[in-house]
Full PDB file with SEQRES, HELIX, SHEET, SSBOND, CRYST1, ORIGX, SCALE, CONECT and MASTER records, all heavy atoms in Angstrom:
SEQRES   1 A   40  ASN SER THR LYS LYS ALA LEU LEU ASN LYS ASP PHE ARG          
SEQRES   2 A   40  GLN ALA LEU ASN PHE ALA LEU ASP ARG GLU SER TYR ALA          
SEQRES   3 A   40  ALA GLN VAL ASN GLY LYS ALA GLY ALA ALA THR ALA ILE          
SEQRES   4 A   40  ARG                                                          
HELIX    1 AA1 SER A    2  LEU A    7  1                                   6    
HELIX    2 AA2 LYS A   10  ALA A   19  1                                  10    
HELIX    3 AA3 ARG A   22  ALA A   38  1                                  17    
CRYST1    1.000    1.000    1.000  90.00  90.00  90.00 P 1           1          
ORIGX1      1.000000  0.000000  0.000000        0.00000                         
ORIGX2      0.000000  1.000000  0.000000        0.00000                         
ORIGX3      0.000000  0.000000  1.000000        0.00000                         
SCALE1      1.000000  0.000000  0.000000        0.00000                         
SCALE2      0.000000  1.000000  0.000000        0.00000                         
SCALE3      0.000000  0.000000  1.000000        0.00000                         
ATOM      1  N   ASN A   1       0.822  -1.213   0.000  1.00  0.00           N  
ATOM      2  CA  ASN A   1       0.000   0.000   0.000  1.00  0.00           C  
ATOM      3  C   ASN A   1       0.860   1.268   0.000  1.00  0.00           C  
ATOM      4  O   ASN A   1       0.512   2.270  -0.637  1.00  0.00           O  
ATOM      5  CB  ASN A   1      -0.937   0.003   1.209  1.00  0.00           C  
ATOM      6  CG  ASN A   1      -2.005  -1.066   1.114  1.00  0.00           C  
ATOM      7  OD1 ASN A   1      -2.429  -1.429   0.017  1.00  0.00           O  
ATOM      8  ND2 ASN A   1      -2.444  -1.584   2.252  1.00  0.00           N  
ATOM      9  N   SER A   2       1.978   1.224   0.701  1.00  0.00           N  
ATOM     10  CA  SER A   2       2.866   2.382   0.745  1.00  0.00           C  
ATOM     11  C   SER A   2       3.453   2.680  -0.632  1.00  0.00           C  
ATOM     12  O   SER A   2       3.552   3.839  -1.054  1.00  0.00           O  
ATOM     13  CB  SER A   2       3.999   2.154   1.750  1.00  0.00           C  
ATOM     14  OG  SER A   2       3.494   2.148   3.080  1.00  0.00           O  
ATOM     15  N   THR A   3       3.822   1.621  -1.352  1.00  0.00           N  
ATOM     16  CA  THR A   3       4.371   1.797  -2.697  1.00  0.00           C  
ATOM     17  C   THR A   3       3.323   2.385  -3.633  1.00  0.00           C  
ATOM     18  O   THR A   3       3.612   3.288  -4.430  1.00  0.00           O  
ATOM     19  CB  THR A   3       4.887   0.463  -3.261  1.00  0.00           C  
ATOM     20  OG1 THR A   3       5.938  -0.028  -2.419  1.00  0.00           O  
ATOM     21  CG2 THR A   3       5.410   0.634  -4.684  1.00  0.00           C  
ATOM     22  N   LYS A   4       2.097   1.881  -3.548  1.00  0.00           N  
ATOM     23  CA  LYS A   4       1.017   2.406  -4.398  1.00  0.00           C  
ATOM     24  C   LYS A   4       0.808   3.900  -4.156  1.00  0.00           C  
ATOM     25  O   LYS A   4       0.695   4.693  -5.094  1.00  0.00           O  
ATOM     26  CB  LYS A   4      -0.292   1.654  -4.123  1.00  0.00           C  
ATOM     27  CG  LYS A   4      -0.451   0.362  -4.900  1.00  0.00           C  
ATOM     28  CD  LYS A   4      -1.882  -0.140  -4.805  1.00  0.00           C  
ATOM     29  CE  LYS A   4      -2.109  -1.322  -5.726  1.00  0.00           C  
ATOM     30  NZ  LYS A   4      -3.516  -1.765  -5.745  1.00  0.00           N  
ATOM     31  N   LYS A   5       0.751   4.282  -2.899  1.00  0.00           N  
ATOM     32  CA  LYS A   5       0.537   5.689  -2.572  1.00  0.00           C  
ATOM     33  C   LYS A   5       1.709   6.542  -3.053  1.00  0.00           C  
ATOM     34  O   LYS A   5       1.525   7.668  -3.531  1.00  0.00           O  
ATOM     35  CB  LYS A   5       0.330   5.857  -1.067  1.00  0.00           C  
ATOM     36  CG  LYS A   5      -1.001   5.297  -0.569  1.00  0.00           C  
ATOM     37  CD  LYS A   5      -1.141   5.438   0.940  1.00  0.00           C  
ATOM     38  CE  LYS A   5      -2.475   4.868   1.417  1.00  0.00           C  
ATOM     39  NZ  LYS A   5      -2.610   4.955   2.896  1.00  0.00           N  
ATOM     40  N   ALA A   6       2.917   6.021  -2.931  1.00  0.00           N  
ATOM     41  CA  ALA A   6       4.093   6.776  -3.356  1.00  0.00           C  
ATOM     42  C   ALA A   6       4.073   7.019  -4.864  1.00  0.00           C  
ATOM     43  O   ALA A   6       4.351   8.129  -5.335  1.00  0.00           O  
ATOM     44  CB  ALA A   6       5.370   6.033  -2.957  1.00  0.00           C  
ATOM     45  N   LEU A   7       3.725   5.997  -5.642  1.00  0.00           N  
ATOM     46  CA  LEU A   7       3.734   6.134  -7.090  1.00  0.00           C  
ATOM     47  C   LEU A   7       2.621   7.049  -7.599  1.00  0.00           C  
ATOM     48  O   LEU A   7       2.697   7.561  -8.721  1.00  0.00           O  
ATOM     49  CB  LEU A   7       3.625   4.755  -7.756  1.00  0.00           C  
ATOM     50  CG  LEU A   7       4.884   3.880  -7.635  1.00  0.00           C  
ATOM     51  CD1 LEU A   7       4.639   2.504  -8.218  1.00  0.00           C  
ATOM     52  CD2 LEU A   7       6.079   4.536  -8.315  1.00  0.00           C  
ATOM     53  N   LEU A   8       1.605   7.278  -6.788  1.00  0.00           N  
ATOM     54  CA  LEU A   8       0.547   8.217  -7.164  1.00  0.00           C  
ATOM     55  C   LEU A   8       0.914   9.667  -6.823  1.00  0.00           C  
ATOM     56  O   LEU A   8       0.203  10.594  -7.206  1.00  0.00           O  
ATOM     57  CB  LEU A   8      -0.771   7.840  -6.465  1.00  0.00           C  
ATOM     58  CG  LEU A   8      -1.443   6.555  -6.949  1.00  0.00           C  
ATOM     59  CD1 LEU A   8      -2.657   6.237  -6.081  1.00  0.00           C  
ATOM     60  CD2 LEU A   8      -1.862   6.672  -8.409  1.00  0.00           C  
ATOM     61  N   ASN A   9       2.035   9.831  -6.132  1.00  0.00           N  
ATOM     62  CA  ASN A   9       2.474  11.158  -5.713  1.00  0.00           C  
ATOM     63  C   ASN A   9       3.451  11.729  -6.750  1.00  0.00           C  
ATOM     64  O   ASN A   9       4.520  11.162  -6.988  1.00  0.00           O  
ATOM     65  CB  ASN A   9       3.155  11.061  -4.342  1.00  0.00           C  
ATOM     66  CG  ASN A   9       3.590  12.410  -3.808  1.00  0.00           C  
ATOM     67  OD1 ASN A   9       4.539  13.000  -4.311  1.00  0.00           O  
ATOM     68  ND2 ASN A   9       2.902  12.892  -2.777  1.00  0.00           N  
ATOM     69  N   LYS A  10       3.096  12.852  -7.362  1.00  0.00           N  
ATOM     70  CA  LYS A  10       3.925  13.406  -8.439  1.00  0.00           C  
ATOM     71  C   LYS A  10       5.306  13.806  -7.952  1.00  0.00           C  
ATOM     72  O   LYS A  10       6.304  13.611  -8.658  1.00  0.00           O  
ATOM     73  CB  LYS A  10       3.234  14.604  -9.095  1.00  0.00           C  
ATOM     74  CG  LYS A  10       4.006  15.127 -10.311  1.00  0.00           C  
ATOM     75  CD  LYS A  10       3.231  16.144 -11.119  1.00  0.00           C  
ATOM     76  CE  LYS A  10       3.216  17.496 -10.487  1.00  0.00           C  
ATOM     77  NZ  LYS A  10       2.687  18.551 -11.399  1.00  0.00           N  
ATOM     78  N   ASP A  11       5.417  14.360  -6.761  1.00  0.00           N  
ATOM     79  CA  ASP A  11       6.727  14.757  -6.254  1.00  0.00           C  
ATOM     80  C   ASP A  11       7.637  13.536  -6.102  1.00  0.00           C  
ATOM     81  O   ASP A  11       8.841  13.620  -6.372  1.00  0.00           O  
ATOM     82  CB  ASP A  11       6.590  15.477  -4.912  1.00  0.00           C  
ATOM     83  CG  ASP A  11       5.950  16.847  -5.056  1.00  0.00           C  
ATOM     84  OD1 ASP A  11       6.382  17.612  -5.928  1.00  0.00           O  
ATOM     85  OD2 ASP A  11       4.995  17.138  -4.314  1.00  0.00           O  
ATOM     86  N   PHE A  12       7.064  12.411  -5.679  1.00  0.00           N  
ATOM     87  CA  PHE A  12       7.851  11.184  -5.554  1.00  0.00           C  
ATOM     88  C   PHE A  12       8.335  10.726  -6.927  1.00  0.00           C  
ATOM     89  O   PHE A  12       9.507  10.370  -7.103  1.00  0.00           O  
ATOM     90  CB  PHE A  12       7.014  10.085  -4.897  1.00  0.00           C  
ATOM     91  CG  PHE A  12       7.749   8.768  -4.743  1.00  0.00           C  
ATOM     92  CD1 PHE A  12       8.620   8.572  -3.687  1.00  0.00           C  
ATOM     93  CD2 PHE A  12       7.583   7.749  -5.669  1.00  0.00           C  
ATOM     94  CE1 PHE A  12       9.314   7.369  -3.550  1.00  0.00           C  
ATOM     95  CE2 PHE A  12       8.261   6.545  -5.538  1.00  0.00           C  
ATOM     96  CZ  PHE A  12       9.134   6.359  -4.475  1.00  0.00           C  
ATOM     97  N   ARG A  13       7.438  10.755  -7.922  1.00  0.00           N  
ATOM     98  CA  ARG A  13       7.823  10.333  -9.276  1.00  0.00           C  
ATOM     99  C   ARG A  13       8.883  11.268  -9.848  1.00  0.00           C  
ATOM    100  O   ARG A  13       9.829  10.831 -10.507  1.00  0.00           O  
ATOM    101  CB  ARG A  13       6.596  10.286 -10.198  1.00  0.00           C  
ATOM    102  CG  ARG A  13       5.526   9.309  -9.748  1.00  0.00           C  
ATOM    103  CD  ARG A  13       4.497   9.074 -10.855  1.00  0.00           C  
ATOM    104  NE  ARG A  13       3.883  10.305 -11.346  1.00  0.00           N  
ATOM    105  CZ  ARG A  13       2.777  10.849 -10.854  1.00  0.00           C  
ATOM    106  NH1 ARG A  13       2.164  10.279  -9.810  1.00  0.00           N  
ATOM    107  NH2 ARG A  13       2.258  11.960 -11.371  1.00  0.00           N  
ATOM    108  N   GLN A  14       8.735  12.570  -9.602  1.00  0.00           N  
ATOM    109  CA  GLN A  14       9.735  13.516 -10.082  1.00  0.00           C  
ATOM    110  C   GLN A  14      11.079  13.281  -9.400  1.00  0.00           C  
ATOM    111  O   GLN A  14      12.135  13.426 -10.024  1.00  0.00           O  
ATOM    112  CB  GLN A  14       9.265  14.944  -9.846  1.00  0.00           C  
ATOM    113  CG  GLN A  14       8.140  15.383 -10.777  1.00  0.00           C  
ATOM    114  CD  GLN A  14       7.715  16.820 -10.538  1.00  0.00           C  
ATOM    115  OE1 GLN A  14       7.983  17.389  -9.488  1.00  0.00           O  
ATOM    116  NE2 GLN A  14       7.039  17.416 -11.516  1.00  0.00           N  
ATOM    117  N   ALA A  15      11.052  12.904  -8.145  1.00  0.00           N  
ATOM    118  CA  ALA A  15      12.292  12.598  -7.432  1.00  0.00           C  
ATOM    119  C   ALA A  15      13.019  11.437  -8.107  1.00  0.00           C  
ATOM    120  O   ALA A  15      14.242  11.475  -8.284  1.00  0.00           O  
ATOM    121  CB  ALA A  15      12.000  12.271  -5.967  1.00  0.00           C  
ATOM    122  N   LEU A  16      12.268  10.411  -8.506  1.00  0.00           N  
ATOM    123  CA  LEU A  16      12.869   9.289  -9.231  1.00  0.00           C  
ATOM    124  C   LEU A  16      13.453   9.758 -10.561  1.00  0.00           C  
ATOM    125  O   LEU A  16      14.555   9.357 -10.958  1.00  0.00           O  
ATOM    126  CB  LEU A  16      11.821   8.204  -9.496  1.00  0.00           C  
ATOM    127  CG  LEU A  16      11.229   7.464  -8.301  1.00  0.00           C  
ATOM    128  CD1 LEU A  16      10.169   6.467  -8.774  1.00  0.00           C  
ATOM    129  CD2 LEU A  16      12.315   6.727  -7.522  1.00  0.00           C  
ATOM    130  N   ASN A  17      12.707  10.614 -11.257  1.00  0.00           N  
ATOM    131  CA  ASN A  17      13.125  11.115 -12.565  1.00  0.00           C  
ATOM    132  C   ASN A  17      14.452  11.872 -12.471  1.00  0.00           C  
ATOM    133  O   ASN A  17      15.367  11.665 -13.277  1.00  0.00           O  
ATOM    134  CB  ASN A  17      12.035  12.029 -13.121  1.00  0.00           C  
ATOM    135  CG  ASN A  17      12.026  12.096 -14.637  1.00  0.00           C  
ATOM    136  OD1 ASN A  17      12.856  11.511 -15.318  1.00  0.00           O  
ATOM    137  ND2 ASN A  17      11.063  12.831 -15.177  1.00  0.00           N  
ATOM    138  N   PHE A  18      14.569  12.750 -11.477  1.00  0.00           N  
ATOM    139  CA  PHE A  18      15.788  13.536 -11.309  1.00  0.00           C  
ATOM    140  C   PHE A  18      16.935  12.717 -10.707  1.00  0.00           C  
ATOM    141  O   PHE A  18      18.103  13.078 -10.862  1.00  0.00           O  
ATOM    142  CB  PHE A  18      15.518  14.753 -10.425  1.00  0.00           C  
ATOM    143  CG  PHE A  18      14.695  15.827 -11.082  1.00  0.00           C  
ATOM    144  CD1 PHE A  18      13.542  16.313 -10.472  1.00  0.00           C  
ATOM    145  CD2 PHE A  18      15.065  16.354 -12.311  1.00  0.00           C  
ATOM    146  CE1 PHE A  18      12.778  17.313 -11.076  1.00  0.00           C  
ATOM    147  CE2 PHE A  18      14.306  17.351 -12.924  1.00  0.00           C  
ATOM    148  CZ  PHE A  18      13.160  17.827 -12.308  1.00  0.00           C  
ATOM    149  N   ALA A  19      16.602  11.617 -10.039  1.00  0.00           N  
ATOM    150  CA  ALA A  19      17.638  10.789  -9.399  1.00  0.00           C  
ATOM    151  C   ALA A  19      18.262   9.787 -10.361  1.00  0.00           C  
ATOM    152  O   ALA A  19      19.314   9.211 -10.057  1.00  0.00           O  
ATOM    153  CB  ALA A  19      17.047  10.052  -8.197  1.00  0.00           C  
ATOM    154  N   LEU A  20      17.627   9.567 -11.503  1.00  0.00           N  
ATOM    155  CA  LEU A  20      18.117   8.581 -12.466  1.00  0.00           C  
ATOM    156  C   LEU A  20      19.277   9.155 -13.282  1.00  0.00           C  
ATOM    157  O   LEU A  20      19.095  10.109 -14.041  1.00  0.00           O  
ATOM    158  CB  LEU A  20      16.981   8.143 -13.398  1.00  0.00           C  
ATOM    159  CG  LEU A  20      17.365   7.248 -14.579  1.00  0.00           C  
ATOM    160  CD1 LEU A  20      18.060   5.973 -14.103  1.00  0.00           C  
ATOM    161  CD2 LEU A  20      16.133   6.906 -15.408  1.00  0.00           C  
ATOM    162  N   ASP A  21      20.430   8.575 -13.132  1.00  0.00           N  
ATOM    163  CA  ASP A  21      21.615   8.986 -13.888  1.00  0.00           C  
ATOM    164  C   ASP A  21      21.593   8.262 -15.234  1.00  0.00           C  
ATOM    165  O   ASP A  21      22.047   7.127 -15.357  1.00  0.00           O  
ATOM    166  CB  ASP A  21      22.880   8.636 -13.105  1.00  0.00           C  
ATOM    167  CG  ASP A  21      24.150   9.145 -13.778  1.00  0.00           C  
ATOM    168  OD1 ASP A  21      24.074   9.543 -14.954  1.00  0.00           O  
ATOM    169  OD2 ASP A  21      25.209   9.124 -13.126  1.00  0.00           O  
ATOM    170  N   ARG A  22      21.057   8.926 -16.243  1.00  0.00           N  
ATOM    171  CA  ARG A  22      20.901   8.299 -17.553  1.00  0.00           C  
ATOM    172  C   ARG A  22      22.225   8.029 -18.254  1.00  0.00           C  
ATOM    173  O   ARG A  22      22.324   7.108 -19.062  1.00  0.00           O  
ATOM    174  CB  ARG A  22      19.979   9.162 -18.427  1.00  0.00           C  
ATOM    175  CG  ARG A  22      18.518   9.081 -17.996  1.00  0.00           C  
ATOM    176  CD  ARG A  22      17.674  10.190 -18.598  1.00  0.00           C  
ATOM    177  NE  ARG A  22      16.255  10.017 -18.285  1.00  0.00           N  
ATOM    178  CZ  ARG A  22      15.693  10.348 -17.130  1.00  0.00           C  
ATOM    179  NH1 ARG A  22      16.439  10.880 -16.165  1.00  0.00           N  
ATOM    180  NH2 ARG A  22      14.400  10.152 -16.921  1.00  0.00           N  
ATOM    181  N   GLU A  23      23.222   8.834 -17.940  1.00  0.00           N  
ATOM    182  CA  GLU A  23      24.528   8.592 -18.557  1.00  0.00           C  
ATOM    183  C   GLU A  23      25.127   7.279 -18.061  1.00  0.00           C  
ATOM    184  O   GLU A  23      25.662   6.486 -18.839  1.00  0.00           O  
ATOM    185  CB  GLU A  23      25.478   9.747 -18.275  1.00  0.00           C  
ATOM    186  CG  GLU A  23      26.793   9.628 -19.024  1.00  0.00           C  
ATOM    187  CD  GLU A  23      27.582  10.925 -19.031  1.00  0.00           C  
ATOM    188  OE1 GLU A  23      27.179  11.876 -18.332  1.00  0.00           O  
ATOM    189  OE2 GLU A  23      28.594  10.980 -19.750  1.00  0.00           O  
ATOM    190  N   SER A  24      25.019   7.036 -16.764  1.00  0.00           N  
ATOM    191  CA  SER A  24      25.483   5.771 -16.211  1.00  0.00           C  
ATOM    192  C   SER A  24      24.646   4.610 -16.759  1.00  0.00           C  
ATOM    193  O   SER A  24      25.179   3.543 -17.082  1.00  0.00           O  
ATOM    194  CB  SER A  24      25.388   5.803 -14.684  1.00  0.00           C  
ATOM    195  OG  SER A  24      25.677   4.534 -14.138  1.00  0.00           O  
ATOM    196  N   TYR A  25      23.347   4.836 -16.872  1.00  0.00           N  
ATOM    197  CA  TYR A  25      22.431   3.815 -17.390  1.00  0.00           C  
ATOM    198  C   TYR A  25      22.824   3.424 -18.816  1.00  0.00           C  
ATOM    199  O   TYR A  25      22.965   2.239 -19.145  1.00  0.00           O  
ATOM    200  CB  TYR A  25      21.009   4.374 -17.351  1.00  0.00           C  
ATOM    201  CG  TYR A  25      19.898   3.410 -17.674  1.00  0.00           C  
ATOM    202  CD1 TYR A  25      19.237   2.725 -16.661  1.00  0.00           C  
ATOM    203  CD2 TYR A  25      19.479   3.216 -18.982  1.00  0.00           C  
ATOM    204  CE1 TYR A  25      18.190   1.867 -16.946  1.00  0.00           C  
ATOM    205  CE2 TYR A  25      18.442   2.355 -19.285  1.00  0.00           C  
ATOM    206  CZ  TYR A  25      17.796   1.681 -18.263  1.00  0.00           C  
ATOM    207  OH  TYR A  25      16.761   0.830 -18.554  1.00  0.00           O  
ATOM    208  N   ALA A  26      23.023   4.420 -19.668  1.00  0.00           N  
ATOM    209  CA  ALA A  26      23.376   4.150 -21.064  1.00  0.00           C  
ATOM    210  C   ALA A  26      24.778   3.567 -21.188  1.00  0.00           C  
ATOM    211  O   ALA A  26      25.063   2.799 -22.118  1.00  0.00           O  
ATOM    212  CB  ALA A  26      23.261   5.430 -21.890  1.00  0.00           C  
ATOM    213  N   ALA A  27      25.648   3.897 -20.260  1.00  0.00           N  
ATOM    214  CA  ALA A  27      27.020   3.391 -20.308  1.00  0.00           C  
ATOM    215  C   ALA A  27      27.081   1.881 -20.138  1.00  0.00           C  
ATOM    216  O   ALA A  27      28.047   1.238 -20.568  1.00  0.00           O  
ATOM    217  CB  ALA A  27      27.862   4.074 -19.229  1.00  0.00           C  
ATOM    218  N   GLN A  28      26.043   1.300 -19.539  1.00  0.00           N  
ATOM    219  CA  GLN A  28      26.019  -0.150 -19.365  1.00  0.00           C  
ATOM    220  C   GLN A  28      25.899  -0.873 -20.704  1.00  0.00           C  
ATOM    221  O   GLN A  28      26.199  -2.067 -20.806  1.00  0.00           O  
ATOM    222  CB  GLN A  28      24.869  -0.564 -18.440  1.00  0.00           C  
ATOM    223  CG  GLN A  28      24.818   0.165 -17.117  1.00  0.00           C  
ATOM    224  CD  GLN A  28      26.158   0.212 -16.419  1.00  0.00           C  
ATOM    225  OE1 GLN A  28      26.827  -0.812 -16.271  1.00  0.00           O  
ATOM    226  NE2 GLN A  28      26.566   1.407 -15.994  1.00  0.00           N  
ATOM    227  N   VAL A  29      25.455  -0.146 -21.712  1.00  0.00           N  
ATOM    228  CA  VAL A  29      25.341  -0.709 -23.061  1.00  0.00           C  
ATOM    229  C   VAL A  29      26.441  -0.156 -23.960  1.00  0.00           C  
ATOM    230  O   VAL A  29      27.099  -0.883 -24.691  1.00  0.00           O  
ATOM    231  CB  VAL A  29      23.964  -0.385 -23.681  1.00  0.00           C  
ATOM    232  CG1 VAL A  29      23.851  -1.017 -25.067  1.00  0.00           C  
ATOM    233  CG2 VAL A  29      22.840  -0.876 -22.788  1.00  0.00           C  
ATOM    234  N   ASN A  30      26.652   1.156 -23.903  1.00  0.00           N  
ATOM    235  CA  ASN A  30      27.534   1.824 -24.860  1.00  0.00           C  
ATOM    236  C   ASN A  30      28.916   2.156 -24.328  1.00  0.00           C  
ATOM    237  O   ASN A  30      29.743   2.667 -25.082  1.00  0.00           O  
ATOM    238  CB  ASN A  30      26.879   3.127 -25.331  1.00  0.00           C  
ATOM    239  CG  ASN A  30      25.722   2.877 -26.269  1.00  0.00           C  
ATOM    240  OD1 ASN A  30      25.378   1.739 -26.545  1.00  0.00           O  
ATOM    241  ND2 ASN A  30      25.125   3.932 -26.770  1.00  0.00           N  
ATOM    242  N   GLY A  31      29.172   1.897 -23.043  1.00  0.00           N  
ATOM    243  CA  GLY A  31      30.434   2.300 -22.457  1.00  0.00           C  
ATOM    244  C   GLY A  31      30.431   3.788 -22.133  1.00  0.00           C  
ATOM    245  O   GLY A  31      29.568   4.531 -22.594  1.00  0.00           O  
ATOM    246  N   LYS A  32      31.375   4.228 -21.351  1.00  0.00           N  
ATOM    247  CA  LYS A  32      31.411   5.624 -20.922  1.00  0.00           C  
ATOM    248  C   LYS A  32      31.555   6.577 -22.099  1.00  0.00           C  
ATOM    249  O   LYS A  32      30.925   7.637 -22.148  1.00  0.00           O  
ATOM    250  CB  LYS A  32      32.550   5.837 -19.928  1.00  0.00           C  
ATOM    251  CG  LYS A  32      32.329   5.166 -18.569  1.00  0.00           C  
ATOM    252  CD  LYS A  32      33.464   5.480 -17.616  1.00  0.00           C  
ATOM    253  CE  LYS A  32      33.223   4.827 -16.250  1.00  0.00           C  
ATOM    254  NZ  LYS A  32      34.340   5.109 -15.313  1.00  0.00           N  
ATOM    255  N   ALA A  33      32.397   6.220 -23.051  1.00  0.00           N  
ATOM    256  CA  ALA A  33      32.665   7.120 -24.172  1.00  0.00           C  
ATOM    257  C   ALA A  33      31.443   7.326 -25.056  1.00  0.00           C  
ATOM    258  O   ALA A  33      31.237   8.403 -25.610  1.00  0.00           O  
ATOM    259  CB  ALA A  33      33.830   6.585 -25.000  1.00  0.00           C  
ATOM    260  N   GLY A  34      30.618   6.292 -25.187  1.00  0.00           N  
ATOM    261  CA  GLY A  34      29.474   6.392 -26.092  1.00  0.00           C  
ATOM    262  C   GLY A  34      28.141   6.578 -25.408  1.00  0.00           C  
ATOM    263  O   GLY A  34      27.096   6.588 -26.070  1.00  0.00           O  
ATOM    264  N   ALA A  35      28.152   6.737 -24.088  1.00  0.00           N  
ATOM    265  CA  ALA A  35      26.895   6.800 -23.334  1.00  0.00           C  
ATOM    266  C   ALA A  35      26.030   7.993 -23.725  1.00  0.00           C  
ATOM    267  O   ALA A  35      24.822   7.859 -23.961  1.00  0.00           O  
ATOM    268  CB  ALA A  35      27.177   6.826 -21.840  1.00  0.00           C  
ATOM    269  N   ALA A  36      26.637   9.173 -23.801  1.00  0.00           N  
ATOM    270  CA  ALA A  36      25.857  10.386 -24.046  1.00  0.00           C  
ATOM    271  C   ALA A  36      25.092  10.320 -25.359  1.00  0.00           C  
ATOM    272  O   ALA A  36      23.971  10.830 -25.461  1.00  0.00           O  
ATOM    273  CB  ALA A  36      26.773  11.607 -24.039  1.00  0.00           C  
ATOM    274  N   THR A  37      25.678   9.666 -26.362  1.00  0.00           N  
ATOM    275  CA  THR A  37      25.033   9.579 -27.674  1.00  0.00           C  
ATOM    276  C   THR A  37      23.635   8.990 -27.582  1.00  0.00           C  
ATOM    277  O   THR A  37      22.735   9.362 -28.330  1.00  0.00           O  
ATOM    278  CB  THR A  37      25.876   8.693 -28.618  1.00  0.00           C  
ATOM    279  OG1 THR A  37      27.217   9.162 -28.610  1.00  0.00           O  
ATOM    280  CG2 THR A  37      25.329   8.734 -30.027  1.00  0.00           C  
ATOM    281  N   ALA A  38      23.439   8.078 -26.638  1.00  0.00           N  
ATOM    282  CA  ALA A  38      22.180   7.337 -26.559  1.00  0.00           C  
ATOM    283  C   ALA A  38      21.133   7.973 -25.655  1.00  0.00           C  
ATOM    284  O   ALA A  38      19.962   7.576 -25.706  1.00  0.00           O  
ATOM    285  CB  ALA A  38      22.458   5.913 -26.068  1.00  0.00           C  
ATOM    286  N   ILE A  39      21.503   8.939 -24.817  1.00  0.00           N  
ATOM    287  CA  ILE A  39      20.580   9.460 -23.804  1.00  0.00           C  
ATOM    288  C   ILE A  39      19.347  10.104 -24.436  1.00  0.00           C  
ATOM    289  O   ILE A  39      19.443  10.861 -25.393  1.00  0.00           O  
ATOM    290  CB  ILE A  39      21.284  10.482 -22.893  1.00  0.00           C  
ATOM    291  CG1 ILE A  39      22.372   9.799 -22.064  1.00  0.00           C  
ATOM    292  CG2 ILE A  39      20.278  11.161 -21.958  1.00  0.00           C  
ATOM    293  CD1 ILE A  39      23.212  10.763 -21.255  1.00  0.00           C  
ATOM    294  N   ARG A  40      18.199   9.787 -23.870  1.00  0.00           N  
ATOM    295  CA  ARG A  40      16.941  10.410 -24.296  1.00  0.00           C  
ATOM    296  C   ARG A  40      16.226  10.964 -23.067  1.00  0.00           C  
ATOM    297  O   ARG A  40      15.996  10.246 -22.090  1.00  0.00           O  
ATOM    298  CB  ARG A  40      16.071   9.390 -25.019  1.00  0.00           C  
ATOM    299  CG  ARG A  40      14.814   9.999 -25.612  1.00  0.00           C  
ATOM    300  CD  ARG A  40      14.498   9.367 -26.954  1.00  0.00           C  
ATOM    301  NE  ARG A  40      15.486   9.737 -27.950  1.00  0.00           N  
ATOM    302  CZ  ARG A  40      15.687   9.059 -29.079  1.00  0.00           C  
ATOM    303  NH1 ARG A  40      14.981   7.990 -29.344  1.00  0.00           N  
ATOM    304  NH2 ARG A  40      16.598   9.451 -29.938  1.00  0.00           N  
TER     305      ARG A  40                                                      
MASTER        0    0    0    3    0    0    0    6  304    1    0    4          
END                                                                             
């Protein structure tokens, strides 16, 4: 129930959005040098 309530809260979702390091995420596929190319 706590998770459901959290995901319905926009500030919580925005916190996840800003906390996600997309460059690190993309680097798992493209490596550090090519990570930025893939970010969306």
